[in-house]
Amino acid sequence: MIRFDLRGLLIPRNLTLRDLSEMSGINYWTIAHMSQRTYKSIKITDIEKICKALDVTPNQLFGYESKRQLS
């Protein structure tokens, strides 16, 4: 499962979703849906805007968790 931990990047920076919206130029409700993981897809351009606004890489924005149990 791909993990998108937006709040995990905002909290240490003392930023809100509204702050990120203003910094990135992405609509607030789009960011709110992203943070609640209710989005089915995310535009590459939005990923770029978020990375630029937070000064992070896509690797810091996304992660991967395997649901498969290793024996």
PDB file of N, CA and C in Angstrom:
ATOM      1  N   MET A   1       0.846  -1.179   0.000  1.00  0.00           N
ATOM      2  CA  MET A   1       0.000   0.000   0.000  1.00  0.00           C
ATOM      3  C   MET A   1       0.891   1.243   0.000  1.00  0.00           C
ATOM      4  N   ILE A   2       0.574   2.155  -0.864  1.00  0.00           N
ATOM      5  CA  ILE A   2       1.322   3.414  -0.916  1.00  0.00           C
ATOM      6  C   ILE A   2       0.812   4.328   0.188  1.00  0.00           C
ATOM      7  N   ARG A   3       1.748   4.871   0.941  1.00  0.00           N
ATOM      8  CA  ARG A   3       1.428   5.754   2.060  1.00  0.00           C
ATOM      9  C   ARG A   3       1.741   7.190   1.642  1.00  0.00           C
ATOM     10  N   PHE A   4       0.805   8.070   1.899  1.00  0.00           N
ATOM     11  CA  PHE A   4       0.952   9.494   1.592  1.00  0.00           C
ATOM     12  C   PHE A   4       0.761  10.234   2.906  1.00  0.00           C
ATOM     13  N   ASP A   5       1.874  10.593   3.557  1.00  0.00           N
ATOM     14  CA  ASP A   5       1.814  11.134   4.916  1.00  0.00           C
ATOM     15  C   ASP A   5       2.000  12.649   4.913  1.00  0.00           C
ATOM     16  N   LEU A   6       0.999  13.353   4.439  1.00  0.00           N
ATOM     17  CA  LEU A   6       1.081  14.806   4.339  1.00  0.00           C
ATOM     18  C   LEU A   6       1.118  15.462   5.719  1.00  0.00           C
ATOM     19  N   ARG A   7       0.248  15.032   6.608  1.00  0.00           N
ATOM     20  CA  ARG A   7       0.225  15.634   7.951  1.00  0.00           C
ATOM     21  C   ARG A   7       1.530  15.396   8.702  1.00  0.00           C
ATOM     22  N   GLY A   8       2.155  14.266   8.442  1.00  0.00           N
ATOM     23  CA  GLY A   8       3.440  13.962   9.075  1.00  0.00           C
ATOM     24  C   GLY A   8       4.545  14.927   8.669  1.00  0.00           C
ATOM     25  N   LEU A   9       4.379  15.563   7.532  1.00  0.00           N
ATOM     26  CA  LEU A   9       5.340  16.572   7.095  1.00  0.00           C
ATOM     27  C   LEU A   9       4.944  17.974   7.549  1.00  0.00           C
ATOM     28  N   LEU A  10       3.660  18.203   7.741  1.00  0.00           N
ATOM     29  CA  LEU A  10       3.187  19.536   8.138  1.00  0.00           C
ATOM     30  C   LEU A  10       3.382  19.800   9.629  1.00  0.00           C
ATOM     31  N   ILE A  11       3.090  18.817  10.459  1.00  0.00           N
ATOM     32  CA  ILE A  11       3.121  19.013  11.918  1.00  0.00           C
ATOM     33  C   ILE A  11       4.491  19.489  12.412  1.00  0.00           C
ATOM     34  N   PRO A  12       5.608  18.834  12.032  1.00  0.00           N
ATOM     35  CA  PRO A  12       6.909  19.325  12.522  1.00  0.00           C
ATOM     36  C   PRO A  12       7.251  20.737  12.045  1.00  0.00           C
ATOM     37  N   ARG A  13       6.648  21.141  10.961  1.00  0.00           N
ATOM     38  CA  ARG A  13       6.900  22.481  10.413  1.00  0.00           C
ATOM     39  C   ARG A  13       5.916  23.516  10.955  1.00  0.00           C
ATOM     40  N   ASN A  14       5.021  23.071  11.810  1.00  0.00           N
ATOM     41  CA  ASN A  14       4.016  23.958  12.398  1.00  0.00           C
ATOM     42  C   ASN A  14       3.141  24.596  11.316  1.00  0.00           C
ATOM     43  N   LEU A  15       2.787  23.805  10.301  1.00  0.00           N
ATOM     44  CA  LEU A  15       1.971  24.299   9.195  1.00  0.00           C
ATOM     45  C   LEU A  15       0.610  23.617   9.196  1.00  0.00           C
ATOM     46  N   THR A  16      -0.377  24.314   8.683  1.00  0.00           N
ATOM     47  CA  THR A  16      -1.719  23.759   8.540  1.00  0.00           C
ATOM     48  C   THR A  16      -1.962  23.419   7.068  1.00  0.00           C
ATOM     49  N   LEU A  17      -3.061  22.739   6.829  1.00  0.00           N
ATOM     50  CA  LEU A  17      -3.448  22.464   5.449  1.00  0.00           C
ATOM     51  C   LEU A  17      -3.683  23.764   4.691  1.00  0.00           C
ATOM     52  N   ARG A  18      -4.258  24.738   5.368  1.00  0.00           N
ATOM     53  CA  ARG A  18      -4.499  26.049   4.751  1.00  0.00           C
ATOM     54  C   ARG A  18      -3.168  26.703   4.370  1.00  0.00           C
ATOM     55  N   ASP A  19      -2.170  26.616   5.273  1.00  0.00           N
ATOM     56  CA  ASP A  19      -0.841  27.171   4.964  1.00  0.00           C
ATOM     57  C   ASP A  19      -0.268  26.531   3.702  1.00  0.00           C
ATOM     58  N   LEU A  20      -0.357  25.199   3.632  1.00  0.00           N
ATOM     59  CA  LEU A  20       0.173  24.496   2.466  1.00  0.00           C
ATOM     60  C   LEU A  20      -0.573  24.895   1.202  1.00  0.00           C
ATOM     61  N   SER A  21      -1.867  25.083   1.317  1.00  0.00           N
ATOM     62  CA  SER A  21      -2.662  25.520   0.173  1.00  0.00           C
ATOM     63  C   SER A  21      -2.151  26.860  -0.355  1.00  0.00           C
ATOM     64  N   GLU A  22      -1.910  27.784   0.549  1.00  0.00           N
ATOM     65  CA  GLU A  22      -1.428  29.111   0.156  1.00  0.00           C
ATOM     66  C   GLU A  22      -0.003  29.048  -0.404  1.00  0.00           C
ATOM     67  N   MET A  23       0.841  28.214   0.208  1.00  0.00           N
ATOM     68  CA  MET A  23       2.236  28.102  -0.228  1.00  0.00           C
ATOM     69  C   MET A  23       2.363  27.429  -1.593  1.00  0.00           C
ATOM     70  N   SER A  24       1.496  26.471  -1.852  1.00  0.00           N
ATOM     71  CA  SER A  24       1.615  25.664  -3.070  1.00  0.00           C
ATOM     72  C   SER A  24       0.722  26.137  -4.212  1.00  0.00           C
ATOM     73  N   GLY A  25      -0.331  26.883  -3.879  1.00  0.00           N
ATOM     74  CA  GLY A  25      -1.282  27.296  -4.901  1.00  0.00           C
ATOM     75  C   GLY A  25      -2.310  26.226  -5.234  1.00  0.00           C
ATOM     76  N   ILE A  26      -2.351  25.165  -4.432  1.00  0.00           N
ATOM     77  CA  ILE A  26      -3.320  24.084  -4.633  1.00  0.00           C
ATOM     78  C   ILE A  26      -4.556  24.404  -3.806  1.00  0.00           C
ATOM     79  N   ASN A  27      -5.724  24.170  -4.374  1.00  0.00           N
ATOM     80  CA  ASN A  27      -6.988  24.412  -3.688  1.00  0.00           C
ATOM     81  C   ASN A  27      -7.001  23.725  -2.316  1.00  0.00           C
ATOM     82  N   TYR A  28      -7.514  24.426  -1.303  1.00  0.00           N
ATOM     83  CA  TYR A  28      -7.553  23.885   0.061  1.00  0.00           C
ATOM     84  C   TYR A  28      -8.262  22.537   0.120  1.00  0.00           C
ATOM     85  N   TRP A  29      -9.409  22.417  -0.543  1.00  0.00           N
ATOM     86  CA  TRP A  29     -10.183  21.169  -0.457  1.00  0.00           C
ATOM     87  C   TRP A  29      -9.455  20.018  -1.130  1.00  0.00           C
ATOM     88  N   THR A  30      -8.686  20.302  -2.143  1.00  0.00           N
ATOM     89  CA  THR A  30      -7.872  19.261  -2.780  1.00  0.00           C
ATOM     90  C   THR A  30      -6.852  18.732  -1.783  1.00  0.00           C
ATOM     91  N   ILE A  31      -6.187  19.638  -1.081  1.00  0.00           N
ATOM     92  CA  ILE A  31      -5.197  19.234  -0.082  1.00  0.00           C
ATOM     93  C   ILE A  31      -5.867  18.510   1.081  1.00  0.00           C
ATOM     94  N   ALA A  32      -7.031  18.983   1.498  1.00  0.00           N
ATOM     95  CA  ALA A  32      -7.748  18.319   2.593  1.00  0.00           C
ATOM     96  C   ALA A  32      -8.087  16.879   2.221  1.00  0.00           C
ATOM     97  N   HIS A  33      -8.562  16.669   1.003  1.00  0.00           N
ATOM     98  CA  HIS A  33      -8.878  15.307   0.556  1.00  0.00           C
ATOM     99  C   HIS A  33      -7.614  14.454   0.465  1.00  0.00           C
ATOM    100  N   MET A  34      -6.528  15.040   0.013  1.00  0.00           N
ATOM    101  CA  MET A  34      -5.262  14.302  -0.050  1.00  0.00           C
ATOM    102  C   MET A  34      -4.842  13.843   1.341  1.00  0.00           C
ATOM    103  N   SER A  35      -4.951  14.734   2.312  1.00  0.00           N
ATOM    104  CA  SER A  35      -4.492  14.414   3.664  1.00  0.00           C
ATOM    105  C   SER A  35      -5.376  13.377   4.346  1.00  0.00           C
ATOM    106  N   GLN A  36      -6.630  13.297   3.920  1.00  0.00           N
ATOM    107  CA  GLN A  36      -7.554  12.311   4.491  1.00  0.00           C
ATOM    108  C   GLN A  36      -7.544  11.010   3.708  1.00  0.00           C
ATOM    109  N   ARG A  37      -6.699  10.960   2.689  1.00  0.00           N
ATOM    110  CA  ARG A  37      -6.558   9.769   1.842  1.00  0.00           C
ATOM    111  C   ARG A  37      -7.857   9.383   1.157  1.00  0.00           C
ATOM    112  N   THR A  38      -8.655  10.374   0.791  1.00  0.00           N
ATOM    113  CA  THR A  38      -9.898  10.098   0.077  1.00  0.00           C
ATOM    114  C   THR A  38      -9.745  10.355  -1.417  1.00  0.00           C
ATOM    115  N   TYR A  39      -8.529  10.634  -1.850  1.00  0.00           N
ATOM    116  CA  TYR A  39      -8.250  10.869  -3.260  1.00  0.00           C
ATOM    117  C   TYR A  39      -7.850   9.565  -3.918  1.00  0.00           C
ATOM    118  N   LYS A  40      -8.372   9.299  -5.089  1.00  0.00           N
ATOM    119  CA  LYS A  40      -8.003   8.094  -5.838  1.00  0.00           C
ATOM    120  C   LYS A  40      -6.718   8.315  -6.629  1.00  0.00           C
ATOM    121  N   SER A  41      -6.485   9.554  -7.036  1.00  0.00           N
ATOM    122  CA  SER A  41      -5.279   9.863  -7.797  1.00  0.00           C
ATOM    123  C   SER A  41      -4.821  11.276  -7.451  1.00  0.00           C
ATOM    124  N   ILE A  42      -3.532  11.496  -7.654  1.00  0.00           N
ATOM    125  CA  ILE A  42      -2.943  12.806  -7.376  1.00  0.00           C
ATOM    126  C   ILE A  42      -2.156  13.221  -8.613  1.00  0.00           C
ATOM    127  N   LYS A  43      -2.347  14.447  -9.046  1.00  0.00           N
ATOM    128  CA  LYS A  43      -1.637  14.955 -10.224  1.00  0.00           C
ATOM    129  C   LYS A  43      -0.144  15.103  -9.920  1.00  0.00           C
ATOM    130  N   ILE A  44       0.675  14.765 -10.899  1.00  0.00           N
ATOM    131  CA  ILE A  44       2.120  14.943 -10.772  1.00  0.00           C
ATOM    132  C   ILE A  44       2.447  16.409 -10.505  1.00  0.00           C
ATOM    133  N   THR A  45       1.726  17.313 -11.132  1.00  0.00           N
ATOM    134  CA  THR A  45       1.993  18.742 -10.923  1.00  0.00           C
ATOM    135  C   THR A  45       1.707  19.137  -9.476  1.00  0.00           C
ATOM    136  N   ASP A  46       0.682  18.535  -8.855  1.00  0.00           N
ATOM    137  CA  ASP A  46       0.397  18.823  -7.444  1.00  0.00           C
ATOM    138  C   ASP A  46       1.493  18.262  -6.544  1.00  0.00           C
ATOM    139  N   ILE A  47       2.014  17.088  -6.882  1.00  0.00           N
ATOM    140  CA  ILE A  47       3.122  16.514  -6.112  1.00  0.00           C
ATOM    141  C   ILE A  47       4.323  17.448  -6.183  1.00  0.00           C
ATOM    142  N   GLU A  48       4.610  17.948  -7.372  1.00  0.00           N
ATOM    143  CA  GLU A  48       5.730  18.878  -7.543  1.00  0.00           C
ATOM    144  C   GLU A  48       5.526  20.148  -6.716  1.00  0.00           C
ATOM    145  N   LYS A  49       4.320  20.679  -6.722  1.00  0.00           N
ATOM    146  CA  LYS A  49       4.027  21.902  -5.962  1.00  0.00           C
ATOM    147  C   LYS A  49       4.192  21.673  -4.464  1.00  0.00           C
ATOM    148  N   ILE A  50       3.716  20.536  -3.972  1.00  0.00           N
ATOM    149  CA  ILE A  50       3.842  20.219  -2.546  1.00  0.00           C
ATOM    150  C   ILE A  50       5.313  20.045  -2.182  1.00  0.00           C
ATOM    151  N   CYS A  51       6.056  19.310  -2.996  1.00  0.00           N
ATOM    152  CA  CYS A  51       7.482  19.104  -2.731  1.00  0.00           C
ATOM    153  C   CYS A  51       8.233  20.431  -2.695  1.00  0.00           C
ATOM    154  N   LYS A  52       7.931  21.306  -3.635  1.00  0.00           N
ATOM    155  CA  LYS A  52       8.594  22.615  -3.680  1.00  0.00           C
ATOM    156  C   LYS A  52       8.218  23.457  -2.457  1.00  0.00           C
ATOM    157  N   ALA A  53       6.936  23.474  -2.096  1.00  0.00           N
ATOM    158  CA  ALA A  53       6.478  24.285  -0.962  1.00  0.00           C
ATOM    159  C   ALA A  53       7.085  23.809   0.356  1.00  0.00           C
ATOM    160  N   LEU A  54       7.234  22.495   0.519  1.00  0.00           N
ATOM    161  CA  LEU A  54       7.749  21.942   1.778  1.00  0.00           C
ATOM    162  C   LEU A  54       9.245  21.649   1.728  1.00  0.00           C
ATOM    163  N   ASP A  55       9.857  21.855   0.561  1.00  0.00           N
ATOM    164  CA  ASP A  55      11.275  21.560   0.355  1.00  0.00           C
ATOM    165  C   ASP A  55      11.582  20.104   0.717  1.00  0.00           C
ATOM    166  N   VAL A  56      10.812  19.194   0.114  1.00  0.00           N
ATOM    167  CA  VAL A  56      11.001  17.760   0.316  1.00  0.00           C
ATOM    168  C   VAL A  56      11.061  17.074  -1.050  1.00  0.00           C
ATOM    169  N   THR A  57      11.463  15.819  -1.031  1.00  0.00           N
ATOM    170  CA  THR A  57      11.472  15.013  -2.249  1.00  0.00           C
ATOM    171  C   THR A  57      10.212  14.148  -2.274  1.00  0.00           C
ATOM    172  N   PRO A  58       9.861  13.615  -3.432  1.00  0.00           N
ATOM    173  CA  PRO A  58       8.725  12.686  -3.472  1.00  0.00           C
ATOM    174  C   PRO A  58       8.932  11.476  -2.558  1.00  0.00           C
ATOM    175  N   ASN A  59      10.190  11.057  -2.372  1.00  0.00           N
ATOM    176  CA  ASN A  59      10.464   9.939  -1.463  1.00  0.00           C
ATOM    177  C   ASN A  59      10.069  10.266  -0.030  1.00  0.00           C
ATOM    178  N   GLN A  60      10.169  11.515   0.359  1.00  0.00           N
ATOM    179  CA  GLN A  60       9.764  11.915   1.705  1.00  0.00           C
ATOM    180  C   GLN A  60       8.250  12.035   1.812  1.00  0.00           C
ATOM    181  N   LEU A  61       7.608  12.292   0.712  1.00  0.00           N
ATOM    182  CA  LEU A  61       6.162  12.479   0.672  1.00  0.00           C
ATOM    183  C   LEU A  61       5.422  11.146   0.628  1.00  0.00           C
ATOM    184  N   PHE A  62       6.021  10.171  -0.042  1.00  0.00           N
ATOM    185  CA  PHE A  62       5.382   8.867  -0.214  1.00  0.00           C
ATOM    186  C   PHE A  62       6.210   7.770   0.436  1.00  0.00           C
ATOM    187  N   GLY A  63       5.534   6.710   0.799  1.00  0.00           N
ATOM    188  CA  GLY A  63       6.191   5.514   1.301  1.00  0.00           C
ATOM    189  C   GLY A  63       5.422   4.302   0.826  1.00  0.00           C
ATOM    190  N   TYR A  64       5.961   3.130   1.118  1.00  0.00           N
ATOM    191  CA  TYR A  64       5.284   1.903   0.717  1.00  0.00           C
ATOM    192  C   TYR A  64       5.277   0.935   1.886  1.00  0.00           C
ATOM    193  N   GLU A  65       4.101   0.398   2.174  1.00  0.00           N
ATOM    194  CA  GLU A  65       3.955  -0.603   3.229  1.00  0.00           C
ATOM    195  C   GLU A  65       3.365  -1.857   2.613  1.00  0.00           C
ATOM    196  N   SER A  66       4.071  -2.951   2.766  1.00  0.00           N
ATOM    197  CA  SER A  66       3.597  -4.216   2.221  1.00  0.00           C
ATOM    198  C   SER A  66       2.582  -4.836   3.168  1.00  0.00           C
ATOM    199  N   LYS A  67       1.485  -5.303   2.622  1.00  0.00           N
ATOM    200  CA  LYS A  67       0.476  -5.994   3.431  1.00  0.00           C
ATOM    201  C   LYS A  67       0.818  -7.476   3.550  1.00  0.00           C
ATOM    202  N   ARG A  68       1.755  -7.925   2.765  1.00  0.00           N
ATOM    203  CA  ARG A  68       2.132  -9.328   2.752  1.00  0.00           C
ATOM    204  C   ARG A  68       2.991  -9.666   3.966  1.00  0.00           C
ATOM    205  N   GLN A  69       2.660 -10.735   4.623  1.00  0.00           N
ATOM    206  CA  GLN A  69       3.426 -11.194   5.781  1.00  0.00           C
ATOM    207  C   GLN A  69       4.587 -12.061   5.307  1.00  0.00           C
ATOM    208  N   LEU A  70       5.766 -11.761   5.772  1.00  0.00           N
ATOM    209  CA  LEU A  70       6.923 -12.576   5.434  1.00  0.00           C
ATOM    210  C   LEU A  70       7.083 -13.655   6.488  1.00  0.00           C
ATOM    211  N   SER A  71       7.395 -14.882   6.050  1.00  0.00           N
ATOM    212  CA  SER A  71       7.556 -15.964   7.029  1.00  0.00           C
ATOM    213  C   SER A  71       8.994 -16.323   7.245  1.00  0.00           C
TER     214      SER A  71
END
